[in-house]
Amino acid sequence: MNKNAELTKREGQIAERIAWGASLKEVAHALHIAYKTVDNTRCKIFEKTGCSKINELSAWWFCTRYGISFDLSPMARSAVASFLLLIFIGGEIHYSKDFCRYRAGRRYRVEYRNRIKD
């Protein structure tokens, strides 16, 4: 991963939302841009950062954003990951009503007609 990758403002916005677990469609909806634009920008972000997967991009974003060293020992990495996970879970619990979208089940009208037999 490239520690010194410079992202544009829009690339930073997209990388942040992806790092927090948003899908590409959710990112496009939140930023009011096309899905294809998000997909193309994601590819550019991957090229700049040297990442090839979403989870690598998430790790890169959190490490650069919060000043975490890329060269931490496994124990320190586990501690930092646990801390970030607790922050994330706390936010999900606190703001669960804002982030969850529930769809009402579709209701179909069913009519039963008596057929008249001749």
PDB file of N, CA and C in Angstrom:
ATOM      1  N   MET A   1       0.843  -1.182   0.000  1.00  0.00           N
ATOM      2  CA  MET A   1       0.000   0.000   0.000  1.00  0.00           C
ATOM      3  C   MET A   1       0.884   1.239   0.000  1.00  0.00           C
ATOM      4  N   ASN A   2       0.414   2.246  -0.674  1.00  0.00           N
ATOM      5  CA  ASN A   2       1.131   3.503  -0.766  1.00  0.00           C
ATOM      6  C   ASN A   2       0.690   4.418   0.367  1.00  0.00           C
ATOM      7  N   LYS A   3       1.584   4.647   1.328  1.00  0.00           N
ATOM      8  CA  LYS A   3       1.252   5.466   2.493  1.00  0.00           C
ATOM      9  C   LYS A   3       1.040   6.929   2.131  1.00  0.00           C
ATOM     10  N   ASN A   4       1.718   7.392   1.093  1.00  0.00           N
ATOM     11  CA  ASN A   4       1.709   8.813   0.752  1.00  0.00           C
ATOM     12  C   ASN A   4       0.774   9.148  -0.408  1.00  0.00           C
ATOM     13  N   ALA A   5      -0.199   8.323  -0.686  1.00  0.00           N
ATOM     14  CA  ALA A   5      -1.112   8.571  -1.798  1.00  0.00           C
ATOM     15  C   ALA A   5      -1.940   9.820  -1.508  1.00  0.00           C
ATOM     16  N   GLU A   6      -2.036  10.696  -2.481  1.00  0.00           N
ATOM     17  CA  GLU A   6      -2.831  11.918  -2.369  1.00  0.00           C
ATOM     18  C   GLU A   6      -4.126  11.739  -3.150  1.00  0.00           C
ATOM     19  N   LEU A   7      -5.233  11.831  -2.462  1.00  0.00           N
ATOM     20  CA  LEU A   7      -6.542  11.693  -3.100  1.00  0.00           C
ATOM     21  C   LEU A   7      -7.174  13.060  -3.258  1.00  0.00           C
ATOM     22  N   THR A   8      -7.957  13.216  -4.322  1.00  0.00           N
ATOM     23  CA  THR A   8      -8.711  14.445  -4.496  1.00  0.00           C
ATOM     24  C   THR A   8      -9.830  14.484  -3.466  1.00  0.00           C
ATOM     25  N   LYS A   9     -10.514  15.621  -3.388  1.00  0.00           N
ATOM     26  CA  LYS A   9     -11.597  15.761  -2.411  1.00  0.00           C
ATOM     27  C   LYS A   9     -12.684  14.715  -2.643  1.00  0.00           C
ATOM     28  N   ARG A  10     -13.099  14.541  -3.899  1.00  0.00           N
ATOM     29  CA  ARG A  10     -14.152  13.581  -4.230  1.00  0.00           C
ATOM     30  C   ARG A  10     -13.680  12.146  -3.964  1.00  0.00           C
ATOM     31  N   GLU A  11     -12.437  11.838  -4.323  1.00  0.00           N
ATOM     32  CA  GLU A  11     -11.904  10.499  -4.052  1.00  0.00           C
ATOM     33  C   GLU A  11     -11.861  10.234  -2.557  1.00  0.00           C
ATOM     34  N   GLY A  12     -11.524  11.251  -1.785  1.00  0.00           N
ATOM     35  CA  GLY A  12     -11.516  11.104  -0.329  1.00  0.00           C
ATOM     36  C   GLY A  12     -12.897  10.830   0.232  1.00  0.00           C
ATOM     37  N   GLN A  13     -13.908  11.514  -0.314  1.00  0.00           N
ATOM     38  CA  GLN A  13     -15.278  11.295   0.139  1.00  0.00           C
ATOM     39  C   GLN A  13     -15.730   9.867  -0.168  1.00  0.00           C
ATOM     40  N   ILE A  14     -15.419   9.418  -1.365  1.00  0.00           N
ATOM     41  CA  ILE A  14     -15.817   8.063  -1.769  1.00  0.00           C
ATOM     42  C   ILE A  14     -15.054   7.020  -0.965  1.00  0.00           C
ATOM     43  N   ALA A  15     -13.745   7.229  -0.785  1.00  0.00           N
ATOM     44  CA  ALA A  15     -12.937   6.280  -0.012  1.00  0.00           C
ATOM     45  C   ALA A  15     -13.434   6.180   1.426  1.00  0.00           C
ATOM     46  N   GLU A  16     -13.817   7.302   2.007  1.00  0.00           N
ATOM     47  CA  GLU A  16     -14.309   7.297   3.389  1.00  0.00           C
ATOM     48  C   GLU A  16     -15.593   6.492   3.514  1.00  0.00           C
ATOM     49  N   ARG A  17     -16.514   6.716   2.615  1.00  0.00           N
ATOM     50  CA  ARG A  17     -17.786   5.991   2.684  1.00  0.00           C
ATOM     51  C   ARG A  17     -17.598   4.497   2.438  1.00  0.00           C
ATOM     52  N   ILE A  18     -16.714   4.156   1.504  1.00  0.00           N
ATOM     53  CA  ILE A  18     -16.427   2.744   1.251  1.00  0.00           C
ATOM     54  C   ILE A  18     -15.748   2.126   2.466  1.00  0.00           C
ATOM     55  N   ALA A  19     -14.825   2.874   3.087  1.00  0.00           N
ATOM     56  CA  ALA A  19     -14.117   2.361   4.266  1.00  0.00           C
ATOM     57  C   ALA A  19     -15.080   2.088   5.417  1.00  0.00           C
ATOM     58  N   TRP A  20     -16.135   2.863   5.522  1.00  0.00           N
ATOM     59  CA  TRP A  20     -17.107   2.663   6.585  1.00  0.00           C
ATOM     60  C   TRP A  20     -18.137   1.609   6.233  1.00  0.00           C
ATOM     61  N   GLY A  21     -18.014   1.000   5.035  1.00  0.00           N
ATOM     62  CA  GLY A  21     -18.857  -0.142   4.702  1.00  0.00           C
ATOM     63  C   GLY A  21     -20.015   0.136   3.776  1.00  0.00           C
ATOM     64  N   ALA A  22     -20.076   1.302   3.182  1.00  0.00           N
ATOM     65  CA  ALA A  22     -21.180   1.604   2.266  1.00  0.00           C
ATOM     66  C   ALA A  22     -20.965   0.896   0.931  1.00  0.00           C
ATOM     67  N   SER A  23     -22.039   0.479   0.316  1.00  0.00           N
ATOM     68  CA  SER A  23     -21.941  -0.115  -1.008  1.00  0.00           C
ATOM     69  C   SER A  23     -21.763   1.003  -2.030  1.00  0.00           C
ATOM     70  N   LEU A  24     -21.395   0.635  -3.247  1.00  0.00           N
ATOM     71  CA  LEU A  24     -21.205   1.640  -4.289  1.00  0.00           C
ATOM     72  C   LEU A  24     -22.507   2.370  -4.597  1.00  0.00           C
ATOM     73  N   LYS A  25     -23.620   1.653  -4.555  1.00  0.00           N
ATOM     74  CA  LYS A  25     -24.918   2.291  -4.796  1.00  0.00           C
ATOM     75  C   LYS A  25     -25.253   3.293  -3.691  1.00  0.00           C
ATOM     76  N   GLU A  26     -24.949   2.932  -2.453  1.00  0.00           N
ATOM     77  CA  GLU A  26     -25.205   3.845  -1.344  1.00  0.00           C
ATOM     78  C   GLU A  26     -24.337   5.090  -1.445  1.00  0.00           C
ATOM     79  N   VAL A  27     -23.084   4.913  -1.868  1.00  0.00           N
ATOM     80  CA  VAL A  27     -22.185   6.058  -2.046  1.00  0.00           C
ATOM     81  C   VAL A  27     -22.729   6.978  -3.131  1.00  0.00           C
ATOM     82  N   ALA A  28     -23.146   6.393  -4.251  1.00  0.00           N
ATOM     83  CA  ALA A  28     -23.679   7.191  -5.358  1.00  0.00           C
ATOM     84  C   ALA A  28     -24.915   7.962  -4.911  1.00  0.00           C
ATOM     85  N   HIS A  29     -25.781   7.315  -4.161  1.00  0.00           N
ATOM     86  CA  HIS A  29     -27.001   7.977  -3.682  1.00  0.00           C
ATOM     87  C   HIS A  29     -26.662   9.102  -2.698  1.00  0.00           C
ATOM     88  N   ALA A  30     -25.728   8.849  -1.783  1.00  0.00           N
ATOM     89  CA  ALA A  30     -25.384   9.841  -0.764  1.00  0.00           C
ATOM     90  C   ALA A  30     -24.712  11.077  -1.369  1.00  0.00           C
ATOM     91  N   LEU A  31     -23.895  10.879  -2.386  1.00  0.00           N
ATOM     92  CA  LEU A  31     -23.164  11.993  -2.992  1.00  0.00           C
ATOM     93  C   LEU A  31     -23.870  12.579  -4.212  1.00  0.00           C
ATOM     94  N   HIS A  32     -25.018  12.012  -4.571  1.00  0.00           N
ATOM     95  CA  HIS A  32     -25.799  12.479  -5.718  1.00  0.00           C
ATOM     96  C   HIS A  32     -24.992  12.435  -7.014  1.00  0.00           C
ATOM     97  N   ILE A  33     -24.329  11.303  -7.224  1.00  0.00           N
ATOM     98  CA  ILE A  33     -23.583  11.086  -8.463  1.00  0.00           C
ATOM     99  C   ILE A  33     -23.964   9.726  -9.025  1.00  0.00           C
ATOM    100  N   ALA A  34     -23.538   9.468 -10.255  1.00  0.00           N
ATOM    101  CA  ALA A  34     -23.883   8.214 -10.918  1.00  0.00           C
ATOM    102  C   ALA A  34     -23.081   7.045 -10.342  1.00  0.00           C
ATOM    103  N   TYR A  35     -23.681   5.868 -10.399  1.00  0.00           N
ATOM    104  CA  TYR A  35     -23.019   4.648  -9.931  1.00  0.00           C
ATOM    105  C   TYR A  35     -21.712   4.423 -10.690  1.00  0.00           C
ATOM    106  N   LYS A  36     -21.740   4.645 -11.997  1.00  0.00           N
ATOM    107  CA  LYS A  36     -20.551   4.430 -12.825  1.00  0.00           C
ATOM    108  C   LYS A  36     -19.423   5.379 -12.418  1.00  0.00           C
ATOM    109  N   THR A  37     -19.765   6.603 -12.022  1.00  0.00           N
ATOM    110  CA  THR A  37     -18.756   7.550 -11.550  1.00  0.00           C
ATOM    111  C   THR A  37     -18.089   7.028 -10.288  1.00  0.00           C
ATOM    112  N   VAL A  38     -18.878   6.475  -9.382  1.00  0.00           N
ATOM    113  CA  VAL A  38     -18.328   5.911  -8.142  1.00  0.00           C
ATOM    114  C   VAL A  38     -17.418   4.730  -8.470  1.00  0.00           C
ATOM    115  N   ASP A  39     -17.847   3.891  -9.382  1.00  0.00           N
ATOM    116  CA  ASP A  39     -17.049   2.723  -9.758  1.00  0.00           C
ATOM    117  C   ASP A  39     -15.729   3.148 -10.396  1.00  0.00           C
ATOM    118  N   ASN A  40     -15.753   4.123 -11.297  1.00  0.00           N
ATOM    119  CA  ASN A  40     -14.520   4.609 -11.927  1.00  0.00           C
ATOM    120  C   ASN A  40     -13.591   5.257 -10.907  1.00  0.00           C
ATOM    121  N   THR A  41     -14.159   6.028 -10.002  1.00  0.00           N
ATOM    122  CA  THR A  41     -13.356   6.679  -8.971  1.00  0.00           C
ATOM    123  C   THR A  41     -12.742   5.652  -8.036  1.00  0.00           C
ATOM    124  N   ARG A  42     -13.489   4.607  -7.724  1.00  0.00           N
ATOM    125  CA  ARG A  42     -12.958   3.530  -6.880  1.00  0.00           C
ATOM    126  C   ARG A  42     -11.738   2.885  -7.527  1.00  0.00           C
ATOM    127  N   CYS A  43     -11.801   2.677  -8.839  1.00  0.00           N
ATOM    128  CA  CYS A  43     -10.655   2.104  -9.552  1.00  0.00           C
ATOM    129  C   CYS A  43      -9.446   3.028  -9.482  1.00  0.00           C
ATOM    130  N   LYS A  44      -9.674   4.336  -9.610  1.00  0.00           N
ATOM    131  CA  LYS A  44      -8.572   5.309  -9.507  1.00  0.00           C
ATOM    132  C   LYS A  44      -7.980   5.313  -8.105  1.00  0.00           C
ATOM    133  N   ILE A  45      -8.850   5.200  -7.096  1.00  0.00           N
ATOM    134  CA  ILE A  45      -8.379   5.155  -5.709  1.00  0.00           C
ATOM    135  C   ILE A  45      -7.510   3.921  -5.501  1.00  0.00           C
ATOM    136  N   PHE A  46      -7.951   2.775  -6.038  1.00  0.00           N
ATOM    137  CA  PHE A  46      -7.166   1.550  -5.920  1.00  0.00           C
ATOM    138  C   PHE A  46      -5.793   1.706  -6.573  1.00  0.00           C
ATOM    139  N   GLU A  47      -5.745   2.351  -7.723  1.00  0.00           N
ATOM    140  CA  GLU A  47      -4.455   2.566  -8.400  1.00  0.00           C
ATOM    141  C   GLU A  47      -3.542   3.457  -7.571  1.00  0.00           C
ATOM    142  N   LYS A  48      -4.083   4.543  -7.028  1.00  0.00           N
ATOM    143  CA  LYS A  48      -3.268   5.492  -6.266  1.00  0.00           C
ATOM    144  C   LYS A  48      -2.759   4.891  -4.958  1.00  0.00           C
ATOM    145  N   THR A  49      -3.625   4.135  -4.286  1.00  0.00           N
ATOM    146  CA  THR A  49      -3.254   3.604  -2.969  1.00  0.00           C
ATOM    147  C   THR A  49      -2.533   2.268  -3.039  1.00  0.00           C
ATOM    148  N   GLY A  50      -2.626   1.586  -4.173  1.00  0.00           N
ATOM    149  CA  GLY A  50      -2.007   0.273  -4.294  1.00  0.00           C
ATOM    150  C   GLY A  50      -2.840  -0.830  -3.683  1.00  0.00           C
ATOM    151  N   CYS A  51      -4.087  -0.548  -3.394  1.00  0.00           N
ATOM    152  CA  CYS A  51      -4.999  -1.544  -2.825  1.00  0.00           C
ATOM    153  C   CYS A  51      -5.669  -2.317  -3.952  1.00  0.00           C
ATOM    154  N   SER A  52      -6.063  -3.541  -3.651  1.00  0.00           N
ATOM    155  CA  SER A  52      -6.765  -4.332  -4.649  1.00  0.00           C
ATOM    156  C   SER A  52      -8.123  -4.832  -4.148  1.00  0.00           C
ATOM    157  N   LYS A  53      -8.400  -4.630  -2.864  1.00  0.00           N
ATOM    158  CA  LYS A  53      -9.655  -5.091  -2.272  1.00  0.00           C
ATOM    159  C   LYS A  53     -10.236  -3.995  -1.393  1.00  0.00           C
ATOM    160  N   ILE A  54     -11.532  -4.111  -1.156  1.00  0.00           N
ATOM    161  CA  ILE A  54     -12.227  -3.129  -0.322  1.00  0.00           C
ATOM    162  C   ILE A  54     -11.663  -3.126   1.104  1.00  0.00           C
ATOM    163  N   ASN A  55     -11.400  -4.304   1.653  1.00  0.00           N
ATOM    164  CA  ASN A  55     -10.895  -4.343   3.032  1.00  0.00           C
ATOM    165  C   ASN A  55      -9.496  -3.736   3.137  1.00  0.00           C
ATOM    166  N   GLU A  56      -8.676  -3.847   2.082  1.00  0.00           N
ATOM    167  CA  GLU A  56      -7.367  -3.193   2.078  1.00  0.00           C
ATOM    168  C   GLU A  56      -7.542  -1.677   2.044  1.00  0.00           C
ATOM    169  N   LEU A  57      -8.509  -1.225   1.246  1.00  0.00           N
ATOM    170  CA  LEU A  57      -8.784   0.211   1.187  1.00  0.00           C
ATOM    171  C   LEU A  57      -9.263   0.716   2.546  1.00  0.00           C
ATOM    172  N   SER A  58     -10.090  -0.061   3.226  1.00  0.00           N
ATOM    173  CA  SER A  58     -10.554   0.324   4.564  1.00  0.00           C
ATOM    174  C   SER A  58      -9.385   0.439   5.530  1.00  0.00           C
ATOM    175  N   ALA A  59      -8.498  -0.539   5.505  1.00  0.00           N
ATOM    176  CA  ALA A  59      -7.320  -0.505   6.385  1.00  0.00           C
ATOM    177  C   ALA A  59      -6.447   0.697   6.051  1.00  0.00           C
ATOM    178  N   TRP A  60      -6.230   0.955   4.759  1.00  0.00           N
ATOM    179  CA  TRP A  60      -5.413   2.094   4.338  1.00  0.00           C
ATOM    180  C   TRP A  60      -6.049   3.395   4.824  1.00  0.00           C
ATOM    181  N   TRP A  61      -7.362   3.527   4.636  1.00  0.00           N
ATOM    182  CA  TRP A  61      -8.036   4.767   5.009  1.00  0.00           C
ATOM    183  C   TRP A  61      -7.938   5.022   6.508  1.00  0.00           C
ATOM    184  N   PHE A  62      -8.218   3.991   7.322  1.00  0.00           N
ATOM    185  CA  PHE A  62      -8.159   4.175   8.767  1.00  0.00           C
ATOM    186  C   PHE A  62      -6.730   4.452   9.236  1.00  0.00           C
ATOM    187  N   CYS A  63      -5.759   3.771   8.642  1.00  0.00           N
ATOM    188  CA  CYS A  63      -4.367   3.996   9.043  1.00  0.00           C
ATOM    189  C   CYS A  63      -3.908   5.410   8.702  1.00  0.00           C
ATOM    190  N   THR A  64      -4.256   5.895   7.515  1.00  0.00           N
ATOM    191  CA  THR A  64      -3.843   7.242   7.140  1.00  0.00           C
ATOM    192  C   THR A  64      -4.662   8.305   7.866  1.00  0.00           C
ATOM    193  N   ARG A  65      -5.918   8.062   8.060  1.00  0.00           N
ATOM    194  CA  ARG A  65      -6.800   9.046   8.702  1.00  0.00           C
ATOM    195  C   ARG A  65      -6.468   9.236  10.182  1.00  0.00           C
ATOM    196  N   TYR A  66      -6.191   8.153  10.882  1.00  0.00           N
ATOM    197  CA  TYR A  66      -5.959   8.221  12.317  1.00  0.00           C
ATOM    198  C   TYR A  66      -4.487   8.087  12.708  1.00  0.00           C
ATOM    199  N   GLY A  67      -3.595   8.142  11.730  1.00  0.00           N
ATOM    200  CA  GLY A  67      -2.164   8.126  12.016  1.00  0.00           C
ATOM    201  C   GLY A  67      -1.652   6.819  12.586  1.00  0.00           C
ATOM    202  N   ILE A  68      -2.247   5.729  12.190  1.00  0.00           N
ATOM    203  CA  ILE A  68      -1.816   4.417  12.666  1.00  0.00           C
ATOM    204  C   ILE A  68      -0.702   3.923  11.758  1.00  0.00           C
ATOM    205  N   SER A  69       0.360   3.422  12.327  1.00  0.00           N
ATOM    206  CA  SER A  69       1.490   2.934  11.553  1.00  0.00           C
ATOM    207  C   SER A  69       1.102   1.666  10.790  1.00  0.00           C
ATOM    208  N   PHE A  70       1.604   1.550   9.569  1.00  0.00           N
ATOM    209  CA  PHE A  70       1.369   0.345   8.777  1.00  0.00           C
ATOM    210  C   PHE A  70       2.214  -0.823   9.280  1.00  0.00           C
ATOM    211  N   ASP A  71       3.225  -0.528  10.068  1.00  0.00           N
ATOM    212  CA  ASP A  71       4.184  -1.540  10.504  1.00  0.00           C
ATOM    213  C   ASP A  71       3.985  -1.952  11.956  1.00  0.00           C
ATOM    214  N   LEU A  72       2.769  -1.995  12.421  1.00  0.00           N
ATOM    215  CA  LEU A  72       2.494  -2.387  13.797  1.00  0.00           C
ATOM    216  C   LEU A  72       2.676  -3.886  13.988  1.00  0.00           C
ATOM    217  N   SER A  73       2.977  -4.272  15.206  1.00  0.00           N
ATOM    218  CA  SER A  73       3.070  -5.689  15.524  1.00  0.00           C
ATOM    219  C   SER A  73       1.669  -6.289  15.475  1.00  0.00           C
ATOM    220  N   PRO A  74       1.558  -7.607  15.316  1.00  0.00           N
ATOM    221  CA  PRO A  74       0.225  -8.221  15.264  1.00  0.00           C
ATOM    222  C   PRO A  74      -0.625  -7.941  16.499  1.00  0.00           C
ATOM    223  N   MET A  75       0.005  -7.891  17.660  1.00  0.00           N
ATOM    224  CA  MET A  75      -0.748  -7.629  18.882  1.00  0.00           C
ATOM    225  C   MET A  75      -1.273  -6.192  18.901  1.00  0.00           C
ATOM    226  N   ALA A  76      -0.450  -5.256  18.494  1.00  0.00           N
ATOM    227  CA  ALA A  76      -0.882  -3.855  18.451  1.00  0.00           C
ATOM    228  C   ALA A  76      -1.966  -3.669  17.394  1.00  0.00           C
ATOM    229  N   ARG A  77      -1.833  -4.345  16.252  1.00  0.00           N
ATOM    230  CA  ARG A  77      -2.859  -4.267  15.219  1.00  0.00           C
ATOM    231  C   ARG A  77      -4.196  -4.787  15.730  1.00  0.00           C
ATOM    232  N   SER A  78      -4.150  -5.883  16.470  1.00  0.00           N
ATOM    233  CA  SER A  78      -5.381  -6.451  17.032  1.00  0.00           C
ATOM    234  C   SER A  78      -6.022  -5.487  18.024  1.00  0.00           C
ATOM    235  N   ALA A  79      -5.202  -4.841  18.845  1.00  0.00           N
ATOM    236  CA  ALA A  79      -5.726  -3.891  19.824  1.00  0.00           C
ATOM    237  C   ALA A  79      -6.367  -2.698  19.123  1.00  0.00           C
ATOM    238  N   VAL A  80      -5.704  -2.157  18.111  1.00  0.00           N
ATOM    239  CA  VAL A  80      -6.245  -1.011  17.375  1.00  0.00           C
ATOM    240  C   VAL A  80      -7.523  -1.421  16.638  1.00  0.00           C
ATOM    241  N   ALA A  81      -7.512  -2.602  16.017  1.00  0.00           N
ATOM    242  CA  ALA A  81      -8.700  -3.075  15.307  1.00  0.00           C
ATOM    243  C   ALA A  81      -9.868  -3.261  16.267  1.00  0.00           C
ATOM    244  N   SER A  82      -9.608  -3.786  17.448  1.00  0.00           N
ATOM    245  CA  SER A  82     -10.663  -3.969  18.444  1.00  0.00           C
ATOM    246  C   SER A  82     -11.229  -2.626  18.889  1.00  0.00           C
ATOM    247  N   PHE A  83     -10.350  -1.656  19.101  1.00  0.00           N
ATOM    248  CA  PHE A  83     -10.793  -0.323  19.500  1.00  0.00           C
ATOM    249  C   PHE A  83     -11.668   0.311  18.426  1.00  0.00           C
ATOM    250  N   LEU A  84     -11.236   0.228  17.169  1.00  0.00           N
ATOM    251  CA  LEU A  84     -12.025   0.794  16.074  1.00  0.00           C
ATOM    252  C   LEU A  84     -13.355   0.056  15.910  1.00  0.00           C
ATOM    253  N   LEU A  85     -13.335  -1.252  16.137  1.00  0.00           N
ATOM    254  CA  LEU A  85     -14.567  -2.020  16.064  1.00  0.00           C
ATOM    255  C   LEU A  85     -15.555  -1.591  17.145  1.00  0.00           C
ATOM    256  N   LEU A  86     -15.064  -1.345  18.342  1.00  0.00           N
ATOM    257  CA  LEU A  86     -15.934  -0.869  19.421  1.00  0.00           C
ATOM    258  C   LEU A  86     -16.529   0.490  19.085  1.00  0.00           C
ATOM    259  N   ILE A  87     -15.727   1.367  18.501  1.00  0.00           N
ATOM    260  CA  ILE A  87     -16.245   2.673  18.089  1.00  0.00           C
ATOM    261  C   ILE A  87     -17.334   2.494  17.043  1.00  0.00           C
ATOM    262  N   PHE A  88     -17.081   1.636  16.075  1.00  0.00           N
ATOM    263  CA  PHE A  88     -18.033   1.400  15.004  1.00  0.00           C
ATOM    264  C   PHE A  88     -19.336   0.816  15.541  1.00  0.00           C
ATOM    265  N   ILE A  89     -19.237  -0.197  16.391  1.00  0.00           N
ATOM    266  CA  ILE A  89     -20.434  -0.834  16.945  1.00  0.00           C
ATOM    267  C   ILE A  89     -21.223   0.156  17.806  1.00  0.00           C
ATOM    268  N   GLY A  90     -20.504   0.961  18.581  1.00  0.00           N
ATOM    269  CA  GLY A  90     -21.181   1.976  19.388  1.00  0.00           C
ATOM    270  C   GLY A  90     -21.961   2.952  18.531  1.00  0.00           C
ATOM    271  N   GLY A  91     -21.365   3.372  17.423  1.00  0.00           N
ATOM    272  CA  GLY A  91     -22.056   4.276  16.503  1.00  0.00           C
ATOM    273  C   GLY A  91     -23.256   3.622  15.855  1.00  0.00           C
ATOM    274  N   GLU A  92     -23.118   2.361  15.500  1.00  0.00           N
ATOM    275  CA  GLU A  92     -24.247   1.638  14.893  1.00  0.00           C
ATOM    276  C   GLU A  92     -25.406   1.502  15.865  1.00  0.00           C
ATOM    277  N   ILE A  93     -25.105   1.246  17.108  1.00  0.00           N
ATOM    278  CA  ILE A  93     -26.160   1.116  18.111  1.00  0.00           C
ATOM    279  C   ILE A  93     -26.813   2.467  18.364  1.00  0.00           C
ATOM    280  N   HIS A  94     -25.996   3.489  18.479  1.00  0.00           N
ATOM    281  CA  HIS A  94     -26.509   4.823  18.792  1.00  0.00           C
ATOM    282  C   HIS A  94     -27.347   5.402  17.654  1.00  0.00           C
ATOM    283  N   TYR A  95     -26.906   5.194  16.433  1.00  0.00           N
ATOM    284  CA  TYR A  95     -27.593   5.772  15.281  1.00  0.00           C
ATOM    285  C   TYR A  95     -28.332   4.734  14.447  1.00  0.00           C
ATOM    286  N   SER A  96     -28.745   3.648  15.050  1.00  0.00           N
ATOM    287  CA  SER A  96     -29.353   2.559  14.287  1.00  0.00           C
ATOM    288  C   SER A  96     -30.627   2.989  13.566  1.00  0.00           C
ATOM    289  N   LYS A  97     -31.369   3.907  14.123  1.00  0.00           N
ATOM    290  CA  LYS A  97     -32.603   4.335  13.478  1.00  0.00           C
ATOM    291  C   LYS A  97     -32.330   5.161  12.232  1.00  0.00           C
ATOM    292  N   ASP A  98     -31.222   5.876  12.204  1.00  0.00           N
ATOM    293  CA  ASP A  98     -30.897   6.717  11.057  1.00  0.00           C
ATOM    294  C   ASP A  98     -30.392   5.919   9.876  1.00  0.00           C
ATOM    295  N   PHE A  99     -29.691   4.819  10.129  1.00  0.00           N
ATOM    296  CA  PHE A  99     -29.043   4.092   9.050  1.00  0.00           C
ATOM    297  C   PHE A  99     -29.869   2.943   8.494  1.00  0.00           C
ATOM    298  N   CYS A 100     -30.807   2.449   9.256  1.00  0.00           N
ATOM    299  CA  CYS A 100     -31.587   1.302   8.803  1.00  0.00           C
ATOM    300  C   CYS A 100     -32.775   1.781   7.986  1.00  0.00           C
ATOM    301  N   ARG A 101     -32.915   1.188   6.846  1.00  0.00           N
ATOM    302  CA  ARG A 101     -34.080   1.477   6.023  1.00  0.00           C
ATOM    303  C   ARG A 101     -34.858   0.185   5.890  1.00  0.00           C
ATOM    304  N   TYR A 102     -36.070   0.227   6.345  1.00  0.00           N
ATOM    305  CA  TYR A 102     -36.894  -0.963   6.272  1.00  0.00           C
ATOM    306  C   TYR A 102     -37.908  -0.776   5.163  1.00  0.00           C
ATOM    307  N   ARG A 103     -38.081  -1.794   4.401  1.00  0.00           N
ATOM    308  CA  ARG A 103     -39.095  -1.761   3.355  1.00  0.00           C
ATOM    309  C   ARG A 103     -40.333  -2.471   3.858  1.00  0.00           C
ATOM    310  N   ALA A 104     -41.422  -1.853   3.619  1.00  0.00           N
ATOM    311  CA  ALA A 104     -42.681  -2.498   3.989  1.00  0.00           C
ATOM    312  C   ALA A 104     -42.916  -3.639   3.016  1.00  0.00           C
ATOM    313  N   GLY A 105     -43.407  -4.723   3.522  1.00  0.00           N
ATOM    314  CA  GLY A 105     -43.692  -5.862   2.660  1.00  0.00           C
ATOM    315  C   GLY A 105     -44.758  -5.518   1.643  1.00  0.00           C
ATOM    316  N   ARG A 106     -44.618  -6.054   0.490  1.00  0.00           N
ATOM    317  CA  ARG A 106     -45.613  -5.796  -0.546  1.00  0.00           C
ATOM    318  C   ARG A 106     -46.874  -6.577  -0.232  1.00  0.00           C
ATOM    319  N   ARG A 107     -47.942  -5.915  -0.439  1.00  0.00           N
ATOM    320  CA  ARG A 107     -49.223  -6.554  -0.182  1.00  0.00           C
ATOM    321  C   ARG A 107     -49.927  -6.755  -1.508  1.00  0.00           C
ATOM    322  N   TYR A 108     -50.237  -7.950  -1.742  1.00  0.00           N
ATOM    323  CA  TYR A 108     -50.932  -8.286  -2.976  1.00  0.00           C
ATOM    324  C   TYR A 108     -52.392  -8.568  -2.668  1.00  0.00           C
ATOM    325  N   ARG A 109     -53.214  -8.077  -3.531  1.00  0.00           N
ATOM    326  CA  ARG A 109     -54.636  -8.330  -3.363  1.00  0.00           C
ATOM    327  C   ARG A 109     -54.963  -9.617  -4.096  1.00  0.00           C
ATOM    328  N   VAL A 110     -55.492 -10.520  -3.374  1.00  0.00           N
ATOM    329  CA  VAL A 110     -55.833 -11.804  -3.958  1.00  0.00           C
ATOM    330  C   VAL A 110     -57.340 -11.923  -3.990  1.00  0.00           C
ATOM    331  N   GLU A 111     -57.835 -12.180  -5.153  1.00  0.00           N
ATOM    332  CA  GLU A 111     -59.276 -12.375  -5.292  1.00  0.00           C
ATOM    333  C   GLU A 111     -59.549 -13.812  -5.671  1.00  0.00           C
ATOM    334  N   TYR A 112     -60.477 -14.355  -5.002  1.00  0.00           N
ATOM    335  CA  TYR A 112     -60.921 -15.705  -5.338  1.00  0.00           C
ATOM    336  C   TYR A 112     -62.318 -15.596  -5.924  1.00  0.00           C
ATOM    337  N   ARG A 113     -62.466 -16.093  -7.065  1.00  0.00           N
ATOM    338  CA  ARG A 113     -63.768 -16.042  -7.706  1.00  0.00           C
ATOM    339  C   ARG A 113     -64.319 -17.455  -7.836  1.00  0.00           C
ATOM    340  N   ASN A 114     -65.559 -17.553  -7.585  1.00  0.00           N
ATOM    341  CA  ASN A 114     -66.215 -18.841  -7.760  1.00  0.00           C
ATOM    342  C   ASN A 114     -66.538 -19.018  -9.226  1.00  0.00           C
ATOM    343  N   ARG A 115     -66.083 -20.085  -9.743  1.00  0.00           N
ATOM    344  CA  ARG A 115     -66.404 -20.371 -11.136  1.00  0.00           C
ATOM    345  C   ARG A 115     -67.727 -21.106 -11.194  1.00  0.00           C
ATOM    346  N   ILE A 116     -68.486 -20.677 -12.121  1.00  0.00           N
ATOM    347  CA  ILE A 116     -69.782 -21.340 -12.305  1.00  0.00           C
ATOM    348  C   ILE A 116     -69.574 -22.483 -13.280  1.00  0.00           C
ATOM    349  N   LYS A 117     -69.897 -23.657 -12.836  1.00  0.00           N
ATOM    350  CA  LYS A 117     -69.760 -24.836 -13.684  1.00  0.00           C
ATOM    351  C   LYS A 117     -71.047 -25.046 -14.459  1.00  0.00           C
ATOM    352  N   ASP A 118     -70.879 -25.264 -15.732  1.00  0.00           N
ATOM    353  CA  ASP A 118     -72.071 -25.503 -16.569  1.00  0.00           C
ATOM    354  C   ASP A 118     -72.403 -26.959 -16.629  1.00  0.00           C
TER     355      ASP A 118
END
